[in-house]
Structure formats: C-alpha cells, structure tokens
Amino acid sequence: TGRVQRGTFAALNVTAEKRLTQLRLNRRRIAELANLRIEDRYILVNVPAFQLEAVERFDVVQRHRVIAGRPSRETPTLRATITGVNFFPYWHVPNSIARKDLIPRLKKEPDYLFKEKIRVVDGYAGPELDPASVDWEQADLNKVKFRQDPGPQNALGLVRIDMSNEHNVYMHDTPMQQLFNSSLRAYSAGCVRVQGVHDLVAWINKYEQGWDRPGRVQEVLETGAPLDLKLTRPIPVYFTYVTAWGEPGGAVQFRDDIYDQDGSQEYVARAQDPDEQIAPGSAAALTP
C-alpha cells in the first residue's frame, strides 16, 4: 500500500533468529509431507498461504487463491479424499454456524432468511417450518435446521467438492468473489473457498466418462439443474500449515502465522486487524 500499517510493523519486528526458528519448524512440516505416499494426482492446500495447488505427475498444473477459516474457526490440517462433485448444492447450515451467526442475524433482520432463500426445516429432510412459529431464544438445533436453496445466492456458490472427513470441512465455490482480492484471506468458518473453482473441477473430473471434453463443466452450469458426480478415480487432498519455505531460485517465502501454530502472536494480531478482516456481522461471517 505504500503505508506503514500494522502488518508492516509486525513483519519488521520479526528478528532473524525468529525467522530461522520458523524455517526449522516448517522444514519438519515439509519433511512430513514428503514422507507421504503421494499419488499421481492430488490437491495440496497450504492454509496460511491461502493457496491451492493441483498436482499431476509431480507438476503443479493449476494454482488457485483460497479463503480459509478465520482464527476463531480454524481450517484444520487433514488428509482426505475427493469422492465427488456437487453442482448446484443445497447448503445444510451446520449447528455451530446457525447458533453463532445465523440466529443472531435473523433476530436483527427478520427478512434475512427470505432474502437469502434459507428455509427452516424439521430436520434436514423434514417438512418446512414457518420461521415466525419458532422461538429462537429456545430453539433446539438438533431438530430445527436451516437449508439454503441452490443458486447464485447460495453460500457454497454453484459447486461443492465432496471430501468426507472427521472435521466436516470441504472445498467450494462462493458468491463473494471480491474477497479473493484481499491479501489476508481468513474469512470462513473452516471450509475452503476456491477462486476459479470451475477450472479446478474440470481438472478433477477430466478422467471421468463424458467429462474429458473442454467446456463440459460450463455446459452443466448453464443447465441450472443440480447434478451429483461420483468419481471413479478419487483424488487425495491435503490441507497443510506451512508458513515458510525455500524456492529453487534461492528466495525464501514467509507467510503469516494466522493460527499461532508457530507461536507468533504478532501474526495473530494482524489476522484480527479490522483493516484486513470482514466485520463479524457481514455476510462473509455466515458462510462455511
């Protein structure tokens, strides 16, 4: 920006000794990744770098910006397998987001559910309920659920990448594309939003029958009809946390320790900087 802001001060105050410690710590993380049994095709998401790489036969064939979880809703490190792709998905709002974000929002804005096409249902597969009939101070979220209709307003966007895991996080599209322009992209409730996700989905699907021709993903999107594709060739995905690494040309890259996993509180302070973050009451705070 040309101005000395909070993030600039935080970076200037990191000593060479701390940087060396950071490099040593991340060398161990990278070594652990190197010891994994890597398939010919896989996806690697480096959370503090807000970056996704699609790798095929040891070459990075696609690189995407991503949005990860904010410090209070961390995106976990994990190993999972992509088993399918959902076009025009419903969003079944998790209880944690319903409790912390959605219910407080609808109390302030009674028409919020209508505007965002979010339905109140008796269980995710049950009958629809009238929101006015529910006492939101006493609502039992084991019974009362929220389900958002597919479409451009959906928090998952037009595509969800299915990857079952114990944390119940996944990768998806987003209607809030402007957030990818931020340098610090810790906005979500734990899931990973992918810029240019349609290109990534085309790469994921390209060895599936009928998906090898260019433009197939766009054709499906233009129909506007929900479609669930189950992969016959599942793809491994790794969410990792690497804040420092060396590049082949000798340059060293550092990224903010957004979750304080390196013990760097100055980075956490920047991650909570109101100049960098979206306000808690915004729509960005309600999405996975």
Protein backbone atom coordinates (compact mmCIF):
# COMPACT_ATOMS: atom_id res chain seq x y z
CA THR A 1 0.00 0.00 0.00
CA GLY A 2 2.96 2.33 0.42
CA ARG A 3 1.99 2.96 4.04
CA VAL A 4 3.45 1.53 7.25
CA GLN A 5 0.46 -0.34 8.64
CA ARG A 6 0.04 -2.84 11.46
CA GLY A 7 1.06 -5.76 9.26
CA THR A 8 4.21 -3.92 8.18
CA PHE A 9 5.23 -3.27 11.79
CA ALA A 10 4.60 -6.91 12.67
CA ALA A 11 6.88 -8.09 9.83
CA LEU A 12 9.63 -5.58 10.65
CA ASN A 13 9.67 -6.67 14.29
CA VAL A 14 10.37 -10.33 13.48
CA THR A 15 14.05 -10.93 14.20
CA ALA A 16 16.39 -13.02 12.07
CA GLU A 17 16.55 -15.56 14.92
CA LYS A 18 12.76 -15.95 14.85
CA ARG A 19 12.83 -16.36 11.09
CA LEU A 20 15.45 -19.10 11.41
CA THR A 21 13.33 -20.87 14.03
CA GLN A 22 10.33 -20.55 11.71
CA LEU A 23 12.28 -22.12 8.83
CA ARG A 24 13.40 -25.03 11.00
CA LEU A 25 9.88 -25.66 12.23
CA ASN A 26 8.46 -25.64 8.72
CA ARG A 27 11.27 -27.83 7.42
CA ARG A 28 9.88 -30.57 9.68
CA ARG A 29 6.35 -29.99 8.35
CA ILE A 30 7.56 -30.23 4.76
CA ALA A 31 9.53 -33.38 5.57
CA GLU A 32 6.36 -34.98 6.94
CA LEU A 33 4.60 -34.18 3.66
CA ALA A 34 7.49 -35.63 1.69
CA ASN A 35 7.13 -38.91 3.58
CA LEU A 36 3.52 -39.35 2.49
CA ARG A 37 2.61 -41.85 -0.18
CA ILE A 38 1.82 -39.36 -2.93
CA GLU A 39 -0.46 -40.36 -5.81
CA ASP A 40 -0.04 -39.26 -9.44
CA ARG A 41 -2.78 -36.66 -8.92
CA TYR A 42 -3.50 -34.79 -5.70
CA ILE A 43 -4.51 -31.40 -4.31
CA LEU A 44 -2.48 -29.53 -1.71
CA VAL A 45 -3.95 -26.60 0.22
CA ASN A 46 -1.49 -24.52 2.22
CA VAL A 47 -3.78 -22.74 4.67
CA PRO A 48 -1.58 -19.82 5.85
CA ALA A 49 -0.52 -19.16 2.25
CA PHE A 50 -4.20 -19.11 1.18
CA GLN A 51 -3.19 -21.18 -1.83
CA LEU A 52 -4.26 -24.42 -3.51
CA GLU A 53 -2.16 -26.43 -5.93
CA ALA A 54 -3.42 -29.20 -8.22
CA VAL A 55 -0.52 -31.56 -8.87
CA GLU A 56 -0.27 -34.15 -11.62
CA ARG A 57 2.80 -36.33 -12.15
CA PHE A 58 4.87 -34.04 -9.89
CA ASP A 59 3.96 -30.87 -11.80
CA VAL A 60 1.74 -28.09 -10.48
CA VAL A 61 -0.85 -27.81 -13.22
CA GLN A 62 -3.18 -25.33 -11.50
CA ARG A 63 -2.73 -22.83 -8.70
CA HIS A 64 -5.67 -21.08 -7.02
CA ARG A 65 -6.21 -18.46 -4.34
CA VAL A 66 -8.33 -19.72 -1.47
CA ILE A 67 -10.18 -18.34 1.54
CA ALA A 68 -9.57 -20.23 4.78
CA GLY A 69 -11.03 -20.16 8.28
CA ARG A 70 -10.66 -17.13 10.48
CA PRO A 71 -8.63 -17.54 13.71
CA SER A 72 -11.74 -18.34 15.76
CA ARG A 73 -12.84 -21.02 13.21
CA GLU A 74 -9.60 -22.60 12.03
CA THR A 75 -9.30 -24.68 8.88
CA PRO A 76 -7.74 -27.93 10.14
CA THR A 77 -4.78 -29.79 8.76
CA LEU A 78 -6.04 -33.08 7.32
CA ARG A 79 -5.73 -35.82 4.75
CA ALA A 80 -8.91 -36.71 2.88
CA THR A 81 -10.13 -38.00 -0.47
CA ILE A 82 -12.27 -36.19 -3.01
CA THR A 83 -15.03 -38.62 -3.94
CA GLY A 84 -17.49 -36.42 -5.80
CA VAL A 85 -18.58 -33.01 -7.05
CA ASN A 86 -21.99 -31.45 -6.36
CA PHE A 87 -23.33 -28.92 -8.87
CA PHE A 88 -25.98 -26.50 -7.53
CA PRO A 89 -25.80 -27.88 -3.98
CA TYR A 90 -28.08 -27.16 -1.07
CA TRP A 91 -26.30 -25.69 1.94
CA HIS A 92 -27.25 -27.51 5.12
CA VAL A 93 -26.21 -24.96 7.73
CA PRO A 94 -24.10 -26.58 10.49
CA ASN A 95 -25.35 -26.12 14.05
CA SER A 96 -22.26 -24.12 15.00
CA ILE A 97 -22.87 -21.53 12.28
CA ALA A 98 -26.61 -21.50 12.99
CA ARG A 99 -26.01 -20.83 16.68
CA LYS A 100 -23.16 -18.34 16.45
CA ASP A 101 -24.04 -16.47 13.28
CA LEU A 102 -27.39 -17.17 11.64
CA ILE A 103 -29.81 -16.94 14.56
CA PRO A 104 -28.29 -13.67 15.87
CA ARG A 105 -28.54 -12.30 12.33
CA LEU A 106 -32.18 -13.22 11.77
CA LYS A 107 -33.12 -11.73 15.16
CA LYS A 108 -31.84 -8.38 13.88
CA GLU A 109 -33.13 -8.85 10.32
CA PRO A 110 -36.37 -10.87 10.29
CA ASP A 111 -36.43 -10.91 6.46
CA TYR A 112 -32.86 -12.23 6.20
CA LEU A 113 -33.92 -15.84 5.62
CA PHE A 114 -36.29 -14.81 2.83
CA LYS A 115 -33.64 -12.66 1.10
CA GLU A 116 -31.04 -15.41 1.20
CA LYS A 117 -33.52 -18.21 0.31
CA ILE A 118 -32.81 -20.06 3.54
CA ARG A 119 -35.57 -22.37 4.74
CA VAL A 120 -36.28 -23.56 8.27
CA VAL A 121 -36.95 -27.30 8.31
CA ASP A 122 -37.80 -30.00 10.83
CA GLY A 123 -34.60 -31.96 10.42
CA TYR A 124 -32.63 -31.51 7.18
CA ALA A 125 -35.03 -33.80 5.29
CA GLY A 126 -38.20 -32.88 7.18
CA PRO A 127 -41.09 -30.54 6.37
CA GLU A 128 -40.58 -26.81 6.10
CA LEU A 129 -41.41 -24.70 9.17
CA ASP A 130 -42.65 -21.13 9.43
CA PRO A 131 -39.74 -19.13 10.96
CA ALA A 132 -42.28 -16.97 12.81
CA SER A 133 -43.51 -20.06 14.65
CA VAL A 134 -40.09 -20.78 16.18
CA ASP A 135 -38.92 -19.29 19.48
CA TRP A 136 -35.33 -18.51 18.51
CA GLU A 137 -34.36 -17.98 22.14
CA GLN A 138 -35.20 -21.63 22.90
CA ALA A 139 -34.77 -23.34 19.50
CA ASP A 140 -33.46 -26.92 19.66
CA LEU A 141 -30.90 -27.08 16.86
CA ASN A 142 -30.90 -30.86 17.00
CA LYS A 143 -34.38 -30.64 15.50
CA VAL A 144 -34.68 -27.21 13.86
CA LYS A 145 -32.37 -26.94 10.86
CA PHE A 146 -31.58 -24.39 8.14
CA ARG A 147 -31.28 -25.28 4.46
CA GLN A 148 -30.35 -22.79 1.75
CA ASP A 149 -31.71 -23.31 -1.76
CA PRO A 150 -29.27 -23.83 -4.66
CA GLY A 151 -28.48 -20.82 -6.80
CA PRO A 152 -26.16 -17.84 -7.11
CA GLN A 153 -27.01 -16.66 -3.58
CA ASN A 154 -26.01 -20.00 -2.02
CA ALA A 155 -23.09 -19.77 0.41
CA LEU A 156 -21.44 -22.71 -1.39
CA GLY A 157 -21.75 -20.99 -4.75
CA LEU A 158 -22.54 -23.27 -7.69
CA VAL A 159 -20.15 -26.13 -6.88
CA ARG A 160 -19.20 -28.14 -3.80
CA ILE A 161 -16.27 -30.58 -3.75
CA ASP A 162 -17.15 -33.61 -1.63
CA MET A 163 -14.36 -34.88 0.64
CA SER A 164 -15.58 -36.76 3.68
CA ASN A 165 -13.53 -36.15 6.84
CA GLU A 166 -13.91 -36.00 10.61
CA HIS A 167 -13.86 -32.18 10.63
CA ASN A 168 -16.80 -31.87 8.20
CA VAL A 169 -14.97 -29.30 6.08
CA TYR A 170 -14.76 -29.23 2.30
CA MET A 171 -13.92 -27.00 -0.66
CA HIS A 172 -16.47 -24.97 -2.59
CA ASP A 173 -17.35 -22.01 -4.75
CA THR A 174 -18.56 -18.71 -3.26
CA PRO A 175 -20.80 -15.82 -4.36
CA MET A 176 -18.39 -13.40 -2.62
CA GLN A 177 -15.67 -13.35 -5.25
CA GLN A 178 -14.41 -9.92 -4.17
CA LEU A 179 -12.86 -11.45 -1.04
CA PHE A 180 -10.19 -13.12 -3.16
CA ASN A 181 -8.69 -9.67 -3.77
CA SER A 182 -7.58 -9.44 -0.12
CA SER A 183 -4.02 -10.42 0.75
CA LEU A 184 -5.08 -11.95 4.07
CA ARG A 185 -7.99 -14.28 3.31
CA ALA A 186 -9.01 -15.74 6.68
CA TYR A 187 -12.76 -15.18 6.46
CA SER A 188 -14.55 -18.54 6.50
CA ALA A 189 -15.94 -20.76 9.25
CA GLY A 190 -13.43 -23.51 8.43
CA CYS A 191 -14.21 -24.65 4.89
CA VAL A 192 -12.02 -23.61 1.95
CA ARG A 193 -13.45 -21.40 -0.79
CA VAL A 194 -11.59 -21.65 -4.11
CA GLN A 195 -11.12 -18.93 -6.70
CA GLY A 196 -11.62 -20.27 -10.22
CA VAL A 197 -13.19 -23.40 -8.77
CA HIS A 198 -14.82 -24.32 -12.11
CA ASP A 199 -11.34 -24.79 -13.64
CA LEU A 200 -10.34 -26.94 -10.68
CA VAL A 201 -13.49 -29.05 -11.05
CA ALA A 202 -12.72 -29.55 -14.76
CA TRP A 203 -9.29 -30.92 -13.74
CA ILE A 204 -10.82 -33.15 -11.05
CA ASN A 205 -13.38 -34.59 -13.47
CA LYS A 206 -11.29 -34.89 -16.63
CA TYR A 207 -10.75 -38.66 -16.43
CA GLU A 208 -14.41 -39.39 -15.75
CA GLN A 209 -16.51 -40.71 -18.62
CA GLY A 210 -18.07 -37.85 -20.60
CA TRP A 211 -16.03 -35.16 -18.84
CA ASP A 212 -12.91 -35.20 -20.98
CA ARG A 213 -14.00 -32.57 -23.48
CA PRO A 214 -13.39 -28.84 -22.85
CA GLY A 215 -16.40 -26.87 -21.70
CA ARG A 216 -18.25 -29.76 -20.07
CA VAL A 217 -18.36 -28.06 -16.66
CA GLN A 218 -19.74 -24.87 -18.19
CA GLU A 219 -22.40 -26.88 -20.02
CA VAL A 220 -23.62 -28.34 -16.73
CA LEU A 221 -23.63 -24.92 -15.07
CA GLU A 222 -25.66 -23.43 -17.91
CA THR A 223 -28.42 -26.01 -17.39
CA GLY A 224 -29.05 -24.71 -13.87
CA ALA A 225 -30.00 -28.24 -12.80
CA PRO A 226 -28.47 -29.99 -9.76
CA LEU A 227 -26.06 -32.80 -10.60
CA ASP A 228 -24.02 -35.01 -8.29
CA LEU A 229 -20.99 -36.67 -9.87
CA LYS A 230 -19.38 -39.60 -8.05
CA LEU A 231 -15.73 -40.03 -9.02
CA THR A 232 -14.49 -43.39 -10.24
CA ARG A 233 -10.94 -42.10 -9.65
CA PRO A 234 -10.94 -40.38 -6.23
CA ILE A 235 -8.28 -37.74 -5.64
CA PRO A 236 -6.28 -37.28 -2.40
CA VAL A 237 -6.35 -33.83 -0.83
CA TYR A 238 -4.05 -32.47 1.86
CA PHE A 239 -4.69 -29.39 3.99
CA THR A 240 -1.35 -28.35 5.44
CA TYR A 241 0.10 -25.49 7.50
CA VAL A 242 3.41 -24.23 6.10
CA THR A 243 4.43 -20.65 6.90
CA ALA A 244 7.98 -20.67 5.46
CA TRP A 245 9.78 -22.41 2.64
CA GLY A 246 12.65 -22.01 0.20
CA GLU A 247 12.23 -21.86 -3.55
CA PRO A 248 14.51 -23.38 -6.22
CA GLY A 249 15.99 -19.99 -7.14
CA GLY A 250 17.10 -19.35 -3.56
CA ALA A 251 14.32 -17.00 -2.49
CA VAL A 252 12.70 -17.63 0.90
CA GLN A 253 8.95 -17.21 1.36
CA PHE A 254 7.26 -16.38 4.67
CA ARG A 255 3.55 -16.28 5.43
CA ASP A 256 1.61 -15.03 8.44
CA ASP A 257 1.13 -17.50 11.30
CA ILE A 258 -2.61 -16.90 11.29
CA TYR A 259 -3.46 -19.59 13.88
CA ASP A 260 -0.41 -19.09 16.14
CA GLN A 261 0.87 -22.59 15.37
CA ASP A 262 4.40 -21.17 15.15
CA GLY A 263 3.91 -19.28 18.42
CA SER A 264 3.91 -15.90 16.65
CA GLN A 265 1.30 -13.76 18.34
CA GLU A 266 2.15 -10.73 16.18
CA TYR A 267 0.71 -12.57 13.18
CA VAL A 268 -2.46 -13.43 15.03
CA ALA A 269 -2.84 -9.74 15.88
CA ARG A 270 -2.63 -8.90 12.20
CA ALA A 271 -5.16 -11.60 11.34
CA GLN A 272 -7.60 -9.84 13.65
CA ASP A 273 -6.80 -6.38 12.25
CA PRO A 274 -10.13 -4.68 11.36
CA ASP A 275 -8.40 -3.11 8.35
CA GLU A 276 -7.81 -6.60 6.97
CA GLN A 277 -10.86 -8.55 8.17
CA ILE A 278 -14.52 -8.51 7.29
CA ALA A 279 -16.79 -7.28 10.10
CA PRO A 280 -18.34 -10.13 12.15
CA GLY A 281 -21.87 -9.10 11.21
CA SER A 282 -21.30 -9.27 7.46
CA ALA A 283 -22.46 -11.97 5.11
CA ALA A 284 -18.89 -13.30 4.92
CA ALA A 285 -19.15 -14.33 8.56
CA LEU A 286 -22.11 -16.60 7.83
CA THR A 287 -20.54 -18.80 5.19
CA PRO A 288 -18.63 -22.05 5.69
